[in-house]
């Protein structure tokens, strides 16, 4: 493998990790946000 290919795979892996983690965080915050929002409305 050329160093260029290794750098490309490293960059792709980093991007995938960031994208997946951001999607998980958004989904988790949406679930938590709905629960906290309902609690605020109850108060």
PDB file of N, CA and C in Angstrom:
ATOM      1  N   UNK A   1       0.839  -1.215   0.000  1.00  0.00           N
ATOM      2  CA  UNK A   1       0.000   0.000   0.000  1.00  0.00           C
ATOM      3  C   UNK A   1       0.869   1.259   0.000  1.00  0.00           C
ATOM      4  N   UNK A   2       0.413   2.258  -0.719  1.00  0.00           N
ATOM      5  CA  UNK A   2       1.129   3.542  -0.701  1.00  0.00           C
ATOM      6  C   UNK A   2       0.735   4.324   0.545  1.00  0.00           C
ATOM      7  N   UNK A   3       1.595   5.242   0.942  1.00  0.00           N
ATOM      8  CA  UNK A   3       1.261   6.061   2.106  1.00  0.00           C
ATOM      9  C   UNK A   3      -0.013   6.866   1.842  1.00  0.00           C
ATOM     10  N   UNK A   4      -0.223   7.266   0.587  1.00  0.00           N
ATOM     11  CA  UNK A   4      -1.414   8.034   0.234  1.00  0.00           C
ATOM     12  C   UNK A   4      -2.675   7.235   0.530  1.00  0.00           C
ATOM     13  N   UNK A   5      -2.669   5.930   0.182  1.00  0.00           N
ATOM     14  CA  UNK A   5      -3.838   5.096   0.440  1.00  0.00           C
ATOM     15  C   UNK A   5      -4.072   4.949   1.937  1.00  0.00           C
ATOM     16  N   UNK A   6      -2.996   4.773   2.697  1.00  0.00           N
ATOM     17  CA  UNK A   6      -3.140   4.626   4.148  1.00  0.00           C
ATOM     18  C   UNK A   6      -3.741   5.892   4.747  1.00  0.00           C
ATOM     19  N   UNK A   7      -3.266   7.049   4.273  1.00  0.00           N
ATOM     20  CA  UNK A   7      -3.808   8.318   4.775  1.00  0.00           C
ATOM     21  C   UNK A   7      -5.287   8.432   4.416  1.00  0.00           C
ATOM     22  N   UNK A   8      -5.636   7.987   3.195  1.00  0.00           N
ATOM     23  CA  UNK A   8      -7.027   8.077   2.751  1.00  0.00           C
ATOM     24  C   UNK A   8      -7.917   7.204   3.625  1.00  0.00           C
ATOM     25  N   UNK A   9      -7.483   5.959   3.879  1.00  0.00           N
ATOM     26  CA  UNK A   9      -8.279   5.065   4.725  1.00  0.00           C
ATOM     27  C   UNK A   9      -8.394   5.618   6.139  1.00  0.00           C
ATOM     28  N   UNK A  10      -7.301   6.222   6.636  1.00  0.00           N
ATOM     29  CA  UNK A  10      -7.321   6.802   7.983  1.00  0.00           C
ATOM     30  C   UNK A  10      -8.335   7.942   8.035  1.00  0.00           C
ATOM     31  N   UNK A  11      -8.348   8.769   6.991  1.00  0.00           N
ATOM     32  CA  UNK A  11      -9.277   9.897   6.932  1.00  0.00           C
ATOM     33  C   UNK A  11     -10.715   9.397   6.841  1.00  0.00           C
ATOM     34  N   UNK A  12     -10.948   8.388   5.993  1.00  0.00           N
ATOM     35  CA  UNK A  12     -12.301   7.836   5.853  1.00  0.00           C
ATOM     36  C   UNK A  12     -12.774   7.245   7.176  1.00  0.00           C
ATOM     37  N   UNK A  13     -11.886   6.509   7.863  1.00  0.00           N
ATOM     38  CA  UNK A  13     -12.252   5.904   9.143  1.00  0.00           C
ATOM     39  C   UNK A  13     -12.616   6.987  10.148  1.00  0.00           C
ATOM     40  N   UNK A  14     -11.823   8.059  10.180  1.00  0.00           N
ATOM     41  CA  UNK A  14     -12.083   9.171  11.107  1.00  0.00           C
ATOM     42  C   UNK A  14     -13.428   9.824  10.794  1.00  0.00           C
ATOM     43  N   UNK A  15     -13.695  10.044   9.500  1.00  0.00           N
ATOM     44  CA  UNK A  15     -14.964  10.668   9.106  1.00  0.00           C
ATOM     45  C   UNK A  15     -16.139   9.780   9.491  1.00  0.00           C
ATOM     46  N   UNK A  16     -16.016   8.468   9.260  1.00  0.00           N
ATOM     47  CA  UNK A  16     -17.095   7.532   9.593  1.00  0.00           C
ATOM     48  C   UNK A  16     -17.380   7.577  11.089  1.00  0.00           C
ATOM     49  N   UNK A  17     -16.319   7.578  11.902  1.00  0.00           N
ATOM     50  CA  UNK A  17     -16.487   7.601  13.361  1.00  0.00           C
ATOM     51  C   UNK A  17     -17.205   8.881  13.790  1.00  0.00           C
ATOM     52  N   UNK A  18     -16.794  10.011  13.227  1.00  0.00           N
ATOM     53  CA  UNK A  18     -17.410  11.301  13.583  1.00  0.00           C
ATOM     54  C   UNK A  18     -18.880  11.326  13.173  1.00  0.00           C
ATOM     55  N   UNK A  19     -19.169  10.863  11.955  1.00  0.00           N
ATOM     56  CA  UNK A  19     -20.550  10.872  11.455  1.00  0.00           C
ATOM     57  C   UNK A  19     -21.433   9.961  12.301  1.00  0.00           C
ATOM     58  N   UNK A  20     -20.963   8.738  12.565  1.00  0.00           N
ATOM     59  CA  UNK A  20     -21.752   7.781  13.352  1.00  0.00           C
ATOM     60  C   UNK A  20     -21.992   8.318  14.755  1.00  0.00           C
ATOM     61  N   UNK A  21     -20.939   8.845  15.386  1.00  0.00           N
ATOM     62  CA  UNK A  21     -21.073   9.354  16.760  1.00  0.00           C
ATOM     63  C   UNK A  21     -22.034  10.544  16.791  1.00  0.00           C
ATOM     64  N   UNK A  22     -21.972  11.403  15.769  1.00  0.00           N
ATOM     65  CA  UNK A  22     -22.865  12.570  15.737  1.00  0.00           C
ATOM     66  C   UNK A  22     -24.314  12.122  15.566  1.00  0.00           C
ATOM     67  N   UNK A  23     -24.541  11.109  14.727  1.00  0.00           N
ATOM     68  CA  UNK A  23     -25.904  10.595  14.518  1.00  0.00           C
ATOM     69  C   UNK A  23     -26.440  10.014  15.824  1.00  0.00           C
ATOM     70  N   UNK A  24     -25.597   9.246  16.531  1.00  0.00           N
ATOM     71  CA  UNK A  24     -26.017   8.638  17.797  1.00  0.00           C
ATOM     72  C   UNK A  24     -26.339   9.730  18.817  1.00  0.00           C
ATOM     73  N   UNK A  25     -25.489  10.744  18.894  1.00  0.00           N
ATOM     74  CA  UNK A  25     -25.712  11.828  19.860  1.00  0.00           C
ATOM     75  C   UNK A  25     -27.019  12.554  19.551  1.00  0.00           C
ATOM     76  N   UNK A  26     -27.281  12.847  18.273  1.00  0.00           N
ATOM     77  CA  UNK A  26     -28.515  13.543  17.888  1.00  0.00           C
ATOM     78  C   UNK A  26     -29.732  12.702  18.258  1.00  0.00           C
ATOM     79  N   UNK A  27     -29.687  11.412  17.946  1.00  0.00           N
ATOM     80  CA  UNK A  27     -30.817  10.527  18.257  1.00  0.00           C
ATOM     81  C   UNK A  27     -31.023  10.442  19.770  1.00  0.00           C
ATOM     82  N   UNK A  28     -29.923  10.342  20.529  1.00  0.00           N
ATOM     83  CA  UNK A  28     -30.017  10.233  21.991  1.00  0.00           C
ATOM     84  C   UNK A  28     -30.552  11.528  22.586  1.00  0.00           C
ATOM     85  N   UNK A  29     -30.068  12.660  22.076  1.00  0.00           N
ATOM     86  CA  UNK A  29     -30.530  13.956  22.592  1.00  0.00           C
ATOM     87  C   UNK A  29     -32.008  14.160  22.262  1.00  0.00           C
ATOM     88  N   UNK A  30     -32.453  13.699  21.098  1.00  0.00           N
ATOM     89  CA  UNK A  30     -33.865  13.833  20.730  1.00  0.00           C
ATOM     90  C   UNK A  30     -34.728  13.045  21.705  1.00  0.00           C
ATOM     91  N   UNK A  31     -34.327  11.802  22.030  1.00  0.00           N
ATOM     92  CA  UNK A  31     -35.097  10.996  22.986  1.00  0.00           C
ATOM     93  C   UNK A  31     -35.120  11.669  24.346  1.00  0.00           C
ATOM     94  N   UNK A  32     -33.949  12.099  24.820  1.00  0.00           N
ATOM     95  CA  UNK A  32     -33.850  12.743  26.130  1.00  0.00           C
ATOM     96  C   UNK A  32     -34.597  14.070  26.112  1.00  0.00           C
ATOM     97  N   UNK A  33     -34.509  14.803  24.998  1.00  0.00           N
ATOM     98  CA  UNK A  33     -35.182  16.093  24.888  1.00  0.00           C
ATOM     99  C   UNK A  33     -36.692  15.935  25.003  1.00  0.00           C
ATOM    100  N   UNK A  34     -37.248  14.881  24.382  1.00  0.00           N
ATOM    101  CA  UNK A  34     -38.692  14.653  24.455  1.00  0.00           C
ATOM    102  C   UNK A  34     -39.109  14.407  25.902  1.00  0.00           C
ATOM    103  N   UNK A  35     -38.329  13.596  26.624  1.00  0.00           N
ATOM    104  CA  UNK A  35     -38.675  13.289  28.020  1.00  0.00           C
ATOM    105  C   UNK A  35     -38.607  14.546  28.879  1.00  0.00           C
ATOM    106  N   UNK A  36     -37.527  15.311  28.764  1.00  0.00           N
ATOM    107  CA  UNK A  36     -37.359  16.521  29.581  1.00  0.00           C
ATOM    108  C   UNK A  36     -38.431  17.545  29.199  1.00  0.00           C
ATOM    109  N   UNK A  37     -38.799  17.602  27.930  1.00  0.00           N
ATOM    110  CA  UNK A  37     -39.813  18.561  27.485  1.00  0.00           C
ATOM    111  C   UNK A  37     -41.153  18.217  28.133  1.00  0.00           C
ATOM    112  N   UNK A  38     -41.498  16.933  28.187  1.00  0.00           N
ATOM    113  CA  UNK A  38     -42.770  16.531  28.791  1.00  0.00           C
ATOM    114  C   UNK A  38     -42.763  16.859  30.284  1.00  0.00           C
ATOM    115  N   UNK A  39     -41.612  16.682  30.932  1.00  0.00           N
ATOM    116  CA  UNK A  39     -41.518  17.001  32.362  1.00  0.00           C
ATOM    117  C   UNK A  39     -41.711  18.499  32.574  1.00  0.00           C
ATOM    118  N   UNK A  40     -41.124  19.318  31.713  1.00  0.00           N
ATOM    119  CA  UNK A  40     -41.251  20.774  31.842  1.00  0.00           C
ATOM    120  C   UNK A  40     -42.709  21.190  31.657  1.00  0.00           C
ATOM    121  N   UNK A  41     -43.389  20.565  30.709  1.00  0.00           N
ATOM    122  CA  UNK A  41     -44.799  20.898  30.479  1.00  0.00           C
ATOM    123  C   UNK A  41     -45.633  20.525  31.705  1.00  0.00           C
ATOM    124  N   UNK A  42     -45.307  19.405  32.354  1.00  0.00           N
ATOM    125  CA  UNK A  42     -46.049  18.960  33.538  1.00  0.00           C
ATOM    126  C   UNK A  42     -45.897  19.986  34.655  1.00  0.00           C
ATOM    127  N   UNK A  43     -44.676  20.533  34.792  1.00  0.00           N
ATOM    128  CA  UNK A  43     -44.453  21.538  35.838  1.00  0.00           C
ATOM    129  C   UNK A  43     -45.235  22.812  35.487  1.00  0.00           C
TER     130      UNK A  43
END
